[in-house]
Protein backbone atom coordinates (compact mmCIF):
# COMPACT_ATOMS: atom_id res chain seq x y z
CA MET A 1 225.54 110.05 27.22
CA ASN A 2 228.13 108.03 29.08
CA ILE A 3 229.02 108.22 32.75
CA ILE A 4 232.13 110.33 32.17
CA GLN A 5 230.18 112.99 30.28
CA ARG A 6 227.39 112.97 32.87
CA ASN A 7 229.90 113.54 35.66
CA ILE A 8 231.62 116.30 33.68
CA ASP A 9 228.23 117.99 33.29
CA ARG A 10 227.54 117.65 37.01
CA LEU A 11 230.90 119.19 37.85
CA ILE A 12 230.54 122.02 35.33
CA TYR A 13 227.04 122.97 36.44
CA SER A 14 227.60 122.33 40.15
CA ASP A 15 226.58 125.89 41.01
CA SER A 16 222.94 125.22 40.07
CA SER A 17 220.34 124.93 42.80
CA ARG A 18 219.68 121.23 42.07
CA ARG A 19 222.86 119.23 42.55
CA ASP A 20 222.79 115.66 41.25
CA PRO A 21 225.17 113.26 43.02
CA ILE A 22 228.37 112.20 41.31
CA GLU A 23 228.18 108.72 39.80
CA PRO A 24 230.84 106.26 40.98
CA MET A 25 233.72 105.75 38.57
CA THR A 26 236.93 103.77 38.47
CA ALA A 27 240.33 105.43 38.66
CA TRP A 28 240.73 104.86 34.92
CA LYS A 29 237.51 106.79 34.21
CA TRP A 30 238.58 109.67 36.47
CA ASN A 31 241.85 109.84 34.55
CA ARG A 32 239.94 109.81 31.27
CA LEU A 33 237.71 112.61 32.57
CA TYR A 34 240.85 114.61 33.40
CA GLN A 35 242.19 114.09 29.87
CA ILE A 36 238.91 115.30 28.34
CA VAL A 37 238.84 118.33 30.61
CA LYS A 38 242.39 119.29 29.59
CA GLN A 39 241.66 118.63 25.92
CA TYR A 40 238.71 121.03 25.84
CA GLY A 41 240.13 123.59 28.27
CA ILE A 42 237.18 123.42 30.66
CA GLY A 43 239.35 122.94 33.74
CA PRO A 44 238.21 126.04 35.67
CA TRP A 45 234.59 124.86 35.71
CA VAL A 46 235.49 121.31 36.68
CA ALA A 47 237.94 122.45 39.37
CA GLU A 48 235.18 124.58 40.86
CA GLY A 49 232.84 121.59 40.71
CA ILE A 50 235.42 119.38 42.47
CA GLN A 51 235.52 121.89 45.31
CA THR A 52 231.72 122.07 45.43
CA TYR A 53 231.39 118.27 45.49
CA SER A 54 234.25 117.77 47.96
CA ASP A 55 231.88 116.12 50.46
CA ASP A 56 230.29 113.75 47.89
CA PHE A 57 230.92 110.09 48.71
CA PHE A 58 231.50 109.06 45.08
CA LEU A 59 234.04 111.77 44.33
CA GLN A 60 236.82 109.31 45.00
CA LEU A 61 239.93 110.95 43.60
CA THR A 62 243.48 110.19 44.58
CA PRO A 63 245.15 113.19 46.24
CA THR A 64 247.44 113.55 43.22
CA LEU A 65 244.57 113.61 40.72
CA ARG A 66 242.54 115.95 42.93
CA GLN A 67 245.48 118.36 42.97
CA GLN A 68 245.83 118.10 39.18
CA PHE A 69 242.18 119.11 38.80
CA LEU A 70 242.57 121.99 41.24
CA ASP A 71 245.66 123.18 39.37
CA LEU A 72 243.48 123.66 36.29
CA GLN A 73 241.85 126.68 37.86
CA GLY A 74 242.15 129.87 35.91
CA GLU A 75 240.04 132.20 33.85
CA LYS A 76 236.82 130.73 32.50
CA ASP A 77 236.55 130.98 28.73
CA SER A 78 232.91 130.55 27.73
CA GLU A 79 233.93 129.88 24.13
CA LEU A 80 235.77 126.72 25.22
CA LEU A 81 232.74 125.58 27.21
CA LYS A 82 230.47 126.11 24.19
CA ARG A 83 232.89 124.15 22.03
CA TYR A 84 232.80 121.25 24.51
CA GLU A 85 228.98 121.31 24.66
CA LEU A 86 228.80 121.29 20.86
CA GLN A 87 231.10 118.27 20.71
CA VAL A 88 228.93 116.42 23.24
CA GLU A 89 225.84 117.12 21.14
CA ARG A 90 227.59 115.87 18.02
CA SER A 91 228.78 112.72 19.76
CA LYS A 92 225.21 111.79 20.64
CA GLY A 93 224.65 111.24 16.93
CA PHE A 94 220.88 111.51 16.84
CA LEU A 95 220.86 111.47 13.06
CA HIS A 96 222.55 108.05 12.98
CA LYS A 97 219.82 106.58 15.19
CA LEU A 98 217.04 107.41 12.73
CA LYS A 99 215.74 104.56 10.64
CA ARG A 100 215.97 104.73 6.89
CA GLN A 101 212.19 104.59 6.48
CA SER A 102 211.65 107.58 8.76
CA ILE A 103 214.17 109.65 6.80
CA GLN A 104 212.44 108.69 3.55
CA ALA A 105 209.03 109.56 5.01
CA TYR A 106 210.34 112.91 6.23
CA THR A 107 211.81 113.66 2.78
CA HIS A 108 208.55 112.69 1.10
CA ASP A 109 206.55 114.99 3.42
CA PHE A 110 209.04 117.80 2.86
CA VAL A 111 208.79 117.49 -0.95
CA ASN A 112 204.98 117.48 -0.76
CA THR A 113 205.01 120.60 1.41
CA ILE A 114 207.27 122.40 -1.08
CA LYS A 115 204.97 121.37 -3.97
CA ASN A 116 201.94 122.69 -2.08
CA ILE A 117 203.67 125.99 -1.46
CA GLU A 118 204.61 126.34 -5.13
CA GLU A 119 201.01 125.68 -6.24
């Protein structure tokens, strides 16, 4: 997971009892984070997180960008949040990190298990 996604997660789940600090990011990354938030419609959660983290040293937003985030407040749609979380899981691409031999070994074990069940 990259720094932008980690900070989005921290802002979304800022109401939890354990609050991880925001990781420092450049202005470009904060703008990218804003674009992602708008794309997925998760602005209300992030805007709430920005308010929660207002005293965090690494939440270094320009006043204009801070206001843009706060303007995203509105009704929280849990379906949009689930869609974002699903996209993050897909982007991790765990299947692509598996080695060919391990996939072949898994397939071989699976076929043997099916044969044992049939017998």
